[in-house]
Amino acid sequence: MKIQRLIILGVLKNGPKHGYDIKKIIKKELGIFTSLENKSIYYPLKVMEKGGLIKRAAAQNRGRLLRYVYSLTPRGDKEFLKLAMETLLSEKRPFIDIDIPLYFLPFLEKKEVLVRLRLRKRFLERVKAWLGGNLDSKKQFPYHQKLLLRHHLNLLNAEEHFLEDIVRIVKDY
């Protein structure tokens, strides 16, 4: 919930937004960098509104639907800064889902594992190409987005090398 709050408050730093717009921005701009599952944006918005971090105002009706616009309160702005600074110092290690089946490797069929590892490697290659293409493109990304692209490219390079090691070890085992 802490990261979700940070993300939503950060999105609202750019100005008031409808709940659906917040969800779209999270998916489009941050989806590549976070595994945040955002099935319903309205529950966290309601919780943050009750906590005084954001406020909700009725917006123009579209047809018969009443829509709301959410914006940061001064308290929400302080919470955003606090969460961002805390997260920069986070000692929480990243956990990668692939580690769980690796722990249970002795119970898995070797051929099936090798097939899936090769498929995973192809997926990583596609993501790396996308990241590299965006870094090399003429499109001007703000420096903070370029940092994110580089960070994930480095992580993918490390995972790709690790996958090569896993494939070698599984083949020889």
N, C-alpha and C. Protein backbone atom coordinates (compact mmCIF):
# COMPACT_ATOMS: atom_id res chain seq x y z
N MET A 1 0.83 -1.21 0.00
CA MET A 1 0.00 0.00 0.00
C MET A 1 0.87 1.26 0.00
N LYS A 2 2.05 1.17 0.61
CA LYS A 2 2.93 2.34 0.70
C LYS A 2 3.36 2.81 -0.70
N ILE A 3 3.77 1.87 -1.55
CA ILE A 3 4.19 2.23 -2.91
C ILE A 3 2.99 2.73 -3.70
N GLN A 4 1.86 2.09 -3.53
CA GLN A 4 0.66 2.52 -4.23
C GLN A 4 0.31 3.97 -3.85
N ARG A 5 0.39 4.27 -2.55
CA ARG A 5 0.12 5.64 -2.10
C ARG A 5 1.11 6.62 -2.71
N LEU A 6 2.38 6.24 -2.70
CA LEU A 6 3.42 7.10 -3.28
C LEU A 6 3.13 7.37 -4.76
N ILE A 7 2.77 6.34 -5.48
CA ILE A 7 2.50 6.49 -6.91
C ILE A 7 1.29 7.39 -7.16
N ILE A 8 0.21 7.14 -6.45
CA ILE A 8 -1.00 7.94 -6.67
C ILE A 8 -0.76 9.39 -6.29
N LEU A 9 -0.12 9.60 -5.14
CA LEU A 9 0.17 10.98 -4.73
C LEU A 9 1.10 11.65 -5.74
N GLY A 10 2.08 10.91 -6.25
CA GLY A 10 3.00 11.45 -7.25
C GLY A 10 2.30 11.83 -8.54
N VAL A 11 1.37 11.00 -8.97
CA VAL A 11 0.60 11.31 -10.18
C VAL A 11 -0.21 12.60 -9.96
N LEU A 12 -0.72 12.77 -8.77
CA LEU A 12 -1.52 13.97 -8.48
C LEU A 12 -0.65 15.21 -8.29
N LYS A 13 0.67 15.04 -8.16
CA LYS A 13 1.57 16.21 -8.09
C LYS A 13 1.47 17.03 -9.38
N ASN A 14 1.13 16.38 -10.50
CA ASN A 14 0.99 17.09 -11.78
C ASN A 14 -0.32 17.82 -11.90
N GLY A 15 -1.18 17.68 -10.90
CA GLY A 15 -2.46 18.38 -10.94
C GLY A 15 -3.63 17.44 -10.74
N PRO A 16 -4.82 18.00 -10.51
CA PRO A 16 -6.02 17.19 -10.26
C PRO A 16 -6.33 16.27 -11.43
N LYS A 17 -6.86 15.08 -11.09
CA LYS A 17 -7.18 14.09 -12.13
C LYS A 17 -8.41 13.28 -11.72
N HIS A 18 -9.10 12.77 -12.73
CA HIS A 18 -10.17 11.80 -12.50
C HIS A 18 -9.52 10.47 -12.12
N GLY A 19 -10.26 9.64 -11.40
CA GLY A 19 -9.74 8.34 -11.01
C GLY A 19 -9.30 7.51 -12.20
N TYR A 20 -10.10 7.51 -13.25
CA TYR A 20 -9.75 6.73 -14.44
C TYR A 20 -8.46 7.24 -15.08
N ASP A 21 -8.26 8.56 -15.09
CA ASP A 21 -7.04 9.13 -15.65
C ASP A 21 -5.81 8.72 -14.83
N ILE A 22 -5.97 8.67 -13.50
CA ILE A 22 -4.87 8.23 -12.64
C ILE A 22 -4.50 6.79 -13.00
N LYS A 23 -5.50 5.95 -13.14
CA LYS A 23 -5.28 4.55 -13.48
C LYS A 23 -4.57 4.41 -14.83
N LYS A 24 -5.00 5.20 -15.82
CA LYS A 24 -4.37 5.15 -17.15
C LYS A 24 -2.91 5.58 -17.10
N ILE A 25 -2.61 6.64 -16.36
CA ILE A 25 -1.23 7.13 -16.24
C ILE A 25 -0.36 6.08 -15.58
N ILE A 26 -0.86 5.46 -14.52
CA ILE A 26 -0.09 4.43 -13.83
C ILE A 26 0.22 3.28 -14.79
N LYS A 27 -0.78 2.86 -15.53
CA LYS A 27 -0.58 1.73 -16.46
C LYS A 27 0.37 2.10 -17.60
N LYS A 28 0.13 3.26 -18.21
CA LYS A 28 0.89 3.65 -19.40
C LYS A 28 2.33 4.08 -19.07
N GLU A 29 2.49 4.91 -18.07
CA GLU A 29 3.80 5.49 -17.82
C GLU A 29 4.63 4.75 -16.77
N LEU A 30 3.97 4.09 -15.85
CA LEU A 30 4.70 3.42 -14.77
C LEU A 30 4.61 1.91 -14.84
N GLY A 31 3.75 1.39 -15.70
CA GLY A 31 3.54 -0.06 -15.78
C GLY A 31 4.80 -0.86 -16.05
N ILE A 32 5.71 -0.32 -16.81
CA ILE A 32 6.95 -1.03 -17.12
C ILE A 32 7.88 -1.08 -15.91
N PHE A 33 7.72 -0.17 -14.97
CA PHE A 33 8.65 -0.05 -13.86
C PHE A 33 8.13 -0.63 -12.55
N THR A 34 6.86 -0.97 -12.49
CA THR A 34 6.30 -1.46 -11.23
C THR A 34 5.35 -2.61 -11.50
N SER A 35 5.26 -3.50 -10.53
CA SER A 35 4.32 -4.61 -10.67
C SER A 35 3.02 -4.30 -9.93
N LEU A 36 2.79 -3.04 -9.68
CA LEU A 36 1.60 -2.62 -8.95
C LEU A 36 0.37 -3.06 -9.73
N GLU A 37 -0.45 -3.86 -9.08
CA GLU A 37 -1.71 -4.29 -9.69
C GLU A 37 -2.76 -3.27 -9.30
N ASN A 38 -3.33 -2.67 -10.28
CA ASN A 38 -4.25 -1.56 -10.03
C ASN A 38 -5.64 -1.91 -10.52
N LYS A 39 -6.21 -2.97 -9.97
CA LYS A 39 -7.52 -3.40 -10.43
C LYS A 39 -8.57 -2.32 -10.19
N SER A 40 -8.61 -1.80 -8.98
CA SER A 40 -9.54 -0.71 -8.69
C SER A 40 -8.78 0.44 -8.06
N ILE A 41 -8.85 1.55 -8.68
CA ILE A 41 -8.17 2.75 -8.17
C ILE A 41 -9.02 3.43 -7.11
N TYR A 42 -10.31 3.15 -7.11
CA TYR A 42 -11.21 3.92 -6.27
C TYR A 42 -11.12 3.58 -4.78
N TYR A 43 -10.81 2.34 -4.44
CA TYR A 43 -10.66 2.01 -3.03
C TYR A 43 -9.47 2.76 -2.41
N PRO A 44 -8.26 2.69 -3.01
CA PRO A 44 -7.16 3.46 -2.42
C PRO A 44 -7.43 4.97 -2.41
N LEU A 45 -8.12 5.48 -3.41
CA LEU A 45 -8.47 6.90 -3.41
C LEU A 45 -9.38 7.23 -2.23
N LYS A 46 -10.33 6.34 -1.97
CA LYS A 46 -11.25 6.55 -0.85
C LYS A 46 -10.49 6.54 0.49
N VAL A 47 -9.56 5.60 0.64
CA VAL A 47 -8.77 5.50 1.86
C VAL A 47 -7.92 6.76 2.04
N MET A 48 -7.29 7.22 0.95
CA MET A 48 -6.45 8.42 1.04
C MET A 48 -7.29 9.67 1.29
N GLU A 49 -8.51 9.69 0.76
CA GLU A 49 -9.39 10.82 1.02
C GLU A 49 -9.78 10.85 2.51
N LYS A 50 -10.11 9.68 3.06
CA LYS A 50 -10.45 9.61 4.49
C LYS A 50 -9.26 10.01 5.36
N GLY A 51 -8.05 9.73 4.89
CA GLY A 51 -6.85 10.08 5.63
C GLY A 51 -6.43 11.53 5.45
N GLY A 52 -7.17 12.28 4.64
CA GLY A 52 -6.87 13.69 4.44
C GLY A 52 -5.70 13.95 3.50
N LEU A 53 -5.29 12.94 2.73
CA LEU A 53 -4.16 13.10 1.81
C LEU A 53 -4.59 13.71 0.48
N ILE A 54 -5.83 13.44 0.10
CA ILE A 54 -6.37 13.98 -1.15
C ILE A 54 -7.78 14.48 -0.86
N LYS A 55 -8.26 15.30 -1.79
CA LYS A 55 -9.66 15.72 -1.68
C LYS A 55 -10.34 15.42 -3.01
N ARG A 56 -11.63 15.24 -2.91
CA ARG A 56 -12.45 14.87 -4.07
C ARG A 56 -13.45 15.98 -4.31
N ALA A 57 -13.59 16.35 -5.57
CA ALA A 57 -14.58 17.37 -5.94
C ALA A 57 -15.38 16.86 -7.13
N ALA A 58 -16.66 17.16 -7.12
CA ALA A 58 -17.52 16.75 -8.24
C ALA A 58 -17.11 17.54 -9.47
N ALA A 59 -17.06 16.86 -10.57
CA ALA A 59 -16.69 17.49 -11.84
C ALA A 59 -17.93 17.55 -12.73
N GLN A 60 -17.75 18.08 -13.91
CA GLN A 60 -18.86 18.14 -14.86
C GLN A 60 -19.37 16.74 -15.15
N ASN A 61 -20.67 16.66 -15.28
CA ASN A 61 -21.28 15.37 -15.61
C ASN A 61 -21.07 15.05 -17.07
N ARG A 62 -20.80 13.80 -17.33
CA ARG A 62 -20.79 13.29 -18.70
C ARG A 62 -22.06 12.47 -18.84
N GLY A 63 -23.01 13.01 -19.52
CA GLY A 63 -24.30 12.34 -19.57
C GLY A 63 -24.91 12.34 -18.18
N ARG A 64 -25.21 11.15 -17.66
CA ARG A 64 -25.82 11.06 -16.34
C ARG A 64 -24.81 10.61 -15.28
N LEU A 65 -23.58 10.36 -15.68
CA LEU A 65 -22.56 9.90 -14.74
C LEU A 65 -21.93 11.06 -13.99
N LEU A 66 -21.93 10.97 -12.68
CA LEU A 66 -21.24 11.98 -11.87
C LEU A 66 -19.78 11.56 -11.77
N ARG A 67 -18.88 12.45 -12.11
CA ARG A 67 -17.45 12.14 -12.05
C ARG A 67 -16.80 13.02 -11.00
N TYR A 68 -15.71 12.50 -10.46
CA TYR A 68 -14.97 13.22 -9.43
C TYR A 68 -13.55 13.48 -9.87
N VAL A 69 -13.02 14.59 -9.42
CA VAL A 69 -11.63 14.95 -9.66
C VAL A 69 -10.93 14.92 -8.31
N TYR A 70 -9.75 14.29 -8.29
CA TYR A 70 -8.98 14.17 -7.05
C TYR A 70 -7.78 15.09 -7.12
N SER A 71 -7.46 15.70 -5.99
CA SER A 71 -6.28 16.56 -5.93
C SER A 71 -5.59 16.39 -4.57
N LEU A 72 -4.34 16.78 -4.54
CA LEU A 72 -3.55 16.69 -3.31
C LEU A 72 -3.96 17.75 -2.31
N THR A 73 -3.89 17.37 -1.05
CA THR A 73 -4.04 18.34 0.03
C THR A 73 -2.63 18.68 0.50
N PRO A 74 -2.45 19.72 1.29
CA PRO A 74 -1.12 19.98 1.84
C PRO A 74 -0.56 18.78 2.61
N ARG A 75 -1.44 18.09 3.33
CA ARG A 75 -1.03 16.88 4.05
C ARG A 75 -0.57 15.79 3.08
N GLY A 76 -1.28 15.66 1.97
CA GLY A 76 -0.90 14.68 0.93
C GLY A 76 0.43 15.02 0.30
N ASP A 77 0.69 16.30 0.11
CA ASP A 77 1.96 16.74 -0.45
C ASP A 77 3.11 16.37 0.49
N LYS A 78 2.91 16.59 1.78
CA LYS A 78 3.93 16.22 2.78
C LYS A 78 4.13 14.70 2.82
N GLU A 79 3.02 13.96 2.73
CA GLU A 79 3.09 12.49 2.73
C GLU A 79 3.85 11.99 1.50
N PHE A 80 3.60 12.60 0.35
CA PHE A 80 4.32 12.23 -0.87
C PHE A 80 5.82 12.38 -0.67
N LEU A 81 6.24 13.55 -0.18
CA LEU A 81 7.67 13.80 0.04
C LEU A 81 8.26 12.82 1.04
N LYS A 82 7.55 12.57 2.13
CA LYS A 82 8.01 11.63 3.15
C LYS A 82 8.19 10.23 2.55
N LEU A 83 7.16 9.75 1.83
CA LEU A 83 7.22 8.41 1.23
C LEU A 83 8.34 8.30 0.19
N ALA A 84 8.50 9.34 -0.63
CA ALA A 84 9.55 9.32 -1.65
C ALA A 84 10.92 9.24 -1.01
N MET A 85 11.17 10.03 0.02
CA MET A 85 12.47 10.03 0.69
C MET A 85 12.72 8.72 1.44
N GLU A 86 11.69 8.19 2.08
CA GLU A 86 11.83 6.89 2.77
C GLU A 86 12.16 5.79 1.78
N THR A 87 11.48 5.81 0.64
CA THR A 87 11.66 4.76 -0.36
C THR A 87 13.05 4.82 -0.99
N LEU A 88 13.61 6.02 -1.12
CA LEU A 88 14.98 6.13 -1.63
C LEU A 88 15.97 5.41 -0.72
N LEU A 89 15.67 5.34 0.57
CA LEU A 89 16.55 4.67 1.53
C LEU A 89 16.08 3.26 1.88
N SER A 90 15.10 2.77 1.17
CA SER A 90 14.53 1.46 1.49
C SER A 90 15.60 0.38 1.47
N GLU A 91 15.57 -0.46 2.47
CA GLU A 91 16.49 -1.59 2.54
C GLU A 91 15.81 -2.87 2.08
N LYS A 92 14.61 -2.73 1.57
CA LYS A 92 13.87 -3.89 1.07
C LYS A 92 14.53 -4.37 -0.22
N ARG A 93 14.90 -5.62 -0.21
CA ARG A 93 15.52 -6.19 -1.41
C ARG A 93 14.45 -6.49 -2.46
N PRO A 94 14.81 -6.36 -3.71
CA PRO A 94 13.84 -6.74 -4.75
C PRO A 94 13.70 -8.26 -4.79
N PHE A 95 12.49 -8.74 -4.82
CA PHE A 95 12.26 -10.17 -4.95
C PHE A 95 11.73 -10.43 -6.35
N ILE A 96 12.33 -11.40 -6.98
CA ILE A 96 11.99 -11.73 -8.35
C ILE A 96 11.21 -13.05 -8.32
N ASP A 97 10.07 -13.07 -8.97
CA ASP A 97 9.20 -14.25 -8.92
C ASP A 97 9.89 -15.54 -9.35
N ILE A 98 10.84 -15.46 -10.27
CA ILE A 98 11.51 -16.67 -10.76
C ILE A 98 12.26 -17.40 -9.64
N ASP A 99 12.60 -16.69 -8.58
CA ASP A 99 13.33 -17.32 -7.48
C ASP A 99 12.52 -18.42 -6.80
N ILE A 100 11.22 -18.30 -6.76
CA ILE A 100 10.39 -19.30 -6.09
C ILE A 100 10.45 -20.64 -6.82
N PRO A 101 10.18 -20.70 -8.14
CA PRO A 101 10.31 -22.02 -8.78
C PRO A 101 11.76 -22.54 -8.77
N LEU A 102 12.74 -21.65 -8.73
CA LEU A 102 14.13 -22.14 -8.65
C LEU A 102 14.37 -22.86 -7.32
N TYR A 103 13.74 -22.37 -6.28
CA TYR A 103 13.86 -23.03 -4.98
C TYR A 103 13.31 -24.46 -5.05
N PHE A 104 12.23 -24.63 -5.84
CA PHE A 104 11.59 -25.93 -5.97
C PHE A 104 12.06 -26.71 -7.20
N LEU A 105 13.17 -26.32 -7.76
CA LEU A 105 13.70 -26.94 -8.98
C LEU A 105 13.79 -28.46 -8.92
N PRO A 106 14.18 -29.06 -7.80
CA PRO A 106 14.27 -30.53 -7.77
C PRO A 106 12.93 -31.23 -8.06
N PHE A 107 11.82 -30.54 -7.91
CA PHE A 107 10.51 -31.14 -8.13
C PHE A 107 9.98 -30.89 -9.54
N LEU A 108 10.72 -30.18 -10.35
CA LEU A 108 10.25 -29.81 -11.68
C LEU A 108 10.96 -30.64 -12.75
N GLU A 109 10.26 -30.85 -13.86
CA GLU A 109 10.83 -31.63 -14.96
C GLU A 109 11.84 -30.78 -15.73
N LYS A 110 13.03 -31.32 -15.87
CA LYS A 110 14.16 -30.61 -16.48
C LYS A 110 13.84 -30.05 -17.87
N LYS A 111 13.24 -30.88 -18.75
CA LYS A 111 12.93 -30.42 -20.11
C LYS A 111 11.98 -29.23 -20.11
N GLU A 112 10.94 -29.31 -19.28
CA GLU A 112 9.96 -28.23 -19.20
C GLU A 112 10.59 -26.94 -18.65
N VAL A 113 11.47 -27.09 -17.68
CA VAL A 113 12.15 -25.93 -17.11
C VAL A 113 13.00 -25.26 -18.18
N LEU A 114 13.75 -26.04 -18.94
CA LEU A 114 14.62 -25.48 -19.98
C LEU A 114 13.81 -24.76 -21.06
N VAL A 115 12.66 -25.33 -21.44
CA VAL A 115 11.80 -24.68 -22.44
C VAL A 115 11.34 -23.32 -21.92
N ARG A 116 10.89 -23.27 -20.69
CA ARG A 116 10.38 -22.02 -20.13
C ARG A 116 11.49 -20.99 -19.90
N LEU A 117 12.66 -21.46 -19.55
CA LEU A 117 13.78 -20.53 -19.37
C LEU A 117 14.17 -19.89 -20.71
N ARG A 118 14.12 -20.68 -21.78
CA ARG A 118 14.42 -20.12 -23.11
C ARG A 118 13.35 -19.10 -23.52
N LEU A 119 12.09 -19.42 -23.22
CA LEU A 119 11.00 -18.47 -23.51
C LEU A 119 11.17 -17.19 -22.69
N ARG A 120 11.57 -17.34 -21.45
CA ARG A 120 11.80 -16.17 -20.60
C ARG A 120 12.93 -15.32 -21.16
N LYS A 121 13.97 -15.98 -21.66
CA LYS A 121 15.10 -15.25 -22.24
C LYS A 121 14.64 -14.45 -23.47
N ARG A 122 13.79 -15.03 -24.30
CA ARG A 122 13.26 -14.30 -25.46
C ARG A 122 12.44 -13.08 -25.02
N PHE A 123 11.63 -13.28 -23.99
CA PHE A 123 10.85 -12.18 -23.46
C PHE A 123 11.78 -11.05 -22.98
N LEU A 124 12.82 -11.42 -22.23
CA LEU A 124 13.77 -10.42 -21.73
C LEU A 124 14.45 -9.69 -22.88
N GLU A 125 14.76 -10.40 -23.94
CA GLU A 125 15.40 -9.79 -25.12
C GLU A 125 14.47 -8.75 -25.75
N ARG A 126 13.18 -9.07 -25.81
CA ARG A 126 12.21 -8.11 -26.38
C ARG A 126 12.11 -6.86 -25.50
N VAL A 127 12.06 -7.07 -24.20
CA VAL A 127 11.96 -5.92 -23.28
C VAL A 127 13.24 -5.09 -23.36
N LYS A 128 14.40 -5.76 -23.42
CA LYS A 128 15.67 -5.04 -23.55
C LYS A 128 15.70 -4.22 -24.83
N ALA A 129 15.22 -4.79 -25.91
CA ALA A 129 15.19 -4.06 -27.18
C ALA A 129 14.29 -2.84 -27.06
N TRP A 130 13.15 -3.01 -26.41
CA TRP A 130 12.23 -1.88 -26.22
C TRP A 130 12.89 -0.79 -25.38
N LEU A 131 13.52 -1.17 -24.27
CA LEU A 131 14.18 -0.19 -23.41
C LEU A 131 15.32 0.50 -24.16
N GLY A 132 16.16 -0.29 -24.81
CA GLY A 132 17.28 0.27 -25.56
C GLY A 132 16.81 1.17 -26.69
N GLY A 133 15.76 0.75 -27.37
CA GLY A 133 15.20 1.55 -28.45
C GLY A 133 14.69 2.89 -27.95
N ASN A 134 14.07 2.88 -26.79
CA ASN A 134 13.58 4.13 -26.22
C ASN A 134 14.72 5.02 -25.76
N LEU A 135 15.79 4.42 -25.26
CA LEU A 135 16.94 5.22 -24.84
C LEU A 135 17.64 5.85 -26.04
N ASP A 136 17.68 5.11 -27.16
CA ASP A 136 18.38 5.58 -28.36
C ASP A 136 17.50 6.41 -29.29
N SER A 137 16.21 6.46 -29.03
CA SER A 137 15.30 7.13 -29.96
C SER A 137 15.49 8.65 -29.93
N LYS A 138 14.95 9.27 -30.93
CA LYS A 138 15.00 10.73 -31.03
C LYS A 138 14.03 11.38 -30.02
N LYS A 139 13.08 10.57 -29.55
CA LYS A 139 12.12 11.10 -28.58
C LYS A 139 12.87 11.54 -27.33
N GLN A 140 12.59 12.72 -26.90
CA GLN A 140 13.27 13.27 -25.73
C GLN A 140 12.50 12.91 -24.46
N PHE A 141 13.08 12.01 -23.68
CA PHE A 141 12.51 11.67 -22.39
C PHE A 141 13.12 12.61 -21.35
N PRO A 142 12.36 12.97 -20.34
CA PRO A 142 12.97 13.73 -19.23
C PRO A 142 14.06 12.87 -18.58
N TYR A 143 15.03 13.51 -17.96
CA TYR A 143 16.17 12.79 -17.41
C TYR A 143 15.76 11.72 -16.41
N HIS A 144 14.72 11.97 -15.62
CA HIS A 144 14.33 10.97 -14.63
C HIS A 144 13.76 9.71 -15.27
N GLN A 145 13.10 9.85 -16.42
CA GLN A 145 12.61 8.68 -17.12
C GLN A 145 13.75 7.93 -17.79
N LYS A 146 14.75 8.65 -18.29
CA LYS A 146 15.93 7.98 -18.85
C LYS A 146 16.66 7.18 -17.79
N LEU A 147 16.72 7.71 -16.56
CA LEU A 147 17.35 6.97 -15.47
C LEU A 147 16.61 5.66 -15.22
N LEU A 148 15.29 5.71 -15.23
CA LEU A 148 14.50 4.49 -15.04
C LEU A 148 14.75 3.48 -16.16
N LEU A 149 14.79 3.96 -17.40
CA LEU A 149 15.05 3.07 -18.53
C LEU A 149 16.43 2.41 -18.38
N ARG A 150 17.43 3.19 -18.02
CA ARG A 150 18.78 2.63 -17.82
C ARG A 150 18.82 1.62 -16.68
N HIS A 151 18.16 1.96 -15.59
CA HIS A 151 18.13 1.07 -14.44
C HIS A 151 17.54 -0.29 -14.82
N HIS A 152 16.42 -0.28 -15.52
CA HIS A 152 15.78 -1.53 -15.91
C HIS A 152 16.57 -2.27 -16.97
N LEU A 153 17.25 -1.55 -17.82
CA LEU A 153 18.12 -2.20 -18.80
C LEU A 153 19.26 -2.93 -18.10
N ASN A 154 19.85 -2.31 -17.09
CA ASN A 154 20.91 -2.96 -16.31
C ASN A 154 20.38 -4.19 -15.57
N LEU A 155 19.19 -4.07 -14.99
CA LEU A 155 18.60 -5.22 -14.30
C LEU A 155 18.35 -6.37 -15.28
N LEU A 156 17.85 -6.04 -16.46
CA LEU A 156 17.58 -7.08 -17.46
C LEU A 156 18.87 -7.73 -17.94
N ASN A 157 19.93 -6.96 -18.11
CA ASN A 157 21.22 -7.54 -18.49
C ASN A 157 21.69 -8.54 -17.44
N ALA A 158 21.56 -8.17 -16.17
CA ALA A 158 21.96 -9.08 -15.09
C ALA A 158 21.09 -10.33 -15.08
N GLU A 159 19.79 -10.17 -15.27
CA GLU A 159 18.91 -11.34 -15.28
C GLU A 159 19.20 -12.24 -16.47
N GLU A 160 19.51 -11.63 -17.61
CA GLU A 160 19.82 -12.42 -18.79
C GLU A 160 21.07 -13.28 -18.56
N HIS A 161 22.09 -12.70 -17.95
CA HIS A 161 23.31 -13.48 -17.64
C HIS A 161 23.00 -14.58 -16.63
N PHE A 162 22.18 -14.27 -15.65
CA PHE A 162 21.78 -15.26 -14.67
C PHE A 162 21.02 -16.41 -15.33
N LEU A 163 20.11 -16.10 -16.26
CA LEU A 163 19.36 -17.14 -16.98
C LEU A 163 20.30 -18.05 -17.75
N GLU A 164 21.32 -17.48 -18.36
CA GLU A 164 22.30 -18.31 -19.08
C GLU A 164 22.98 -19.28 -18.12
N ASP A 165 23.32 -18.80 -16.94
CA ASP A 165 23.92 -19.67 -15.91
C ASP A 165 22.95 -20.77 -15.50
N ILE A 166 21.70 -20.40 -15.27
CA ILE A 166 20.70 -21.38 -14.85
C ILE A 166 20.56 -22.48 -15.91
N VAL A 167 20.45 -22.08 -17.17
CA VAL A 167 20.29 -23.07 -18.25
C VAL A 167 21.48 -24.02 -18.26
N ARG A 168 22.68 -23.48 -18.14
CA ARG A 168 23.87 -24.33 -18.12
C ARG A 168 23.86 -25.32 -16.95
N ILE A 169 23.51 -24.82 -15.79
CA ILE A 169 23.50 -25.65 -14.58
C ILE A 169 22.41 -26.73 -14.67
N VAL A 170 21.20 -26.34 -15.13
CA VAL A 170 20.11 -27.31 -15.24
C VAL A 170 20.46 -28.39 -16.27
N LYS A 171 21.06 -28.01 -17.38
CA LYS A 171 21.46 -29.00 -18.39
C LYS A 171 22.45 -30.01 -17.81
N ASP A 172 23.40 -29.52 -17.02
CA ASP A 172 24.46 -30.39 -16.49
C ASP A 172 24.02 -31.20 -15.27
N TYR A 173 22.93 -30.85 -14.67
CA TYR A 173 22.51 -31.49 -13.43
C TYR A 173 21.87 -32.81 -13.65
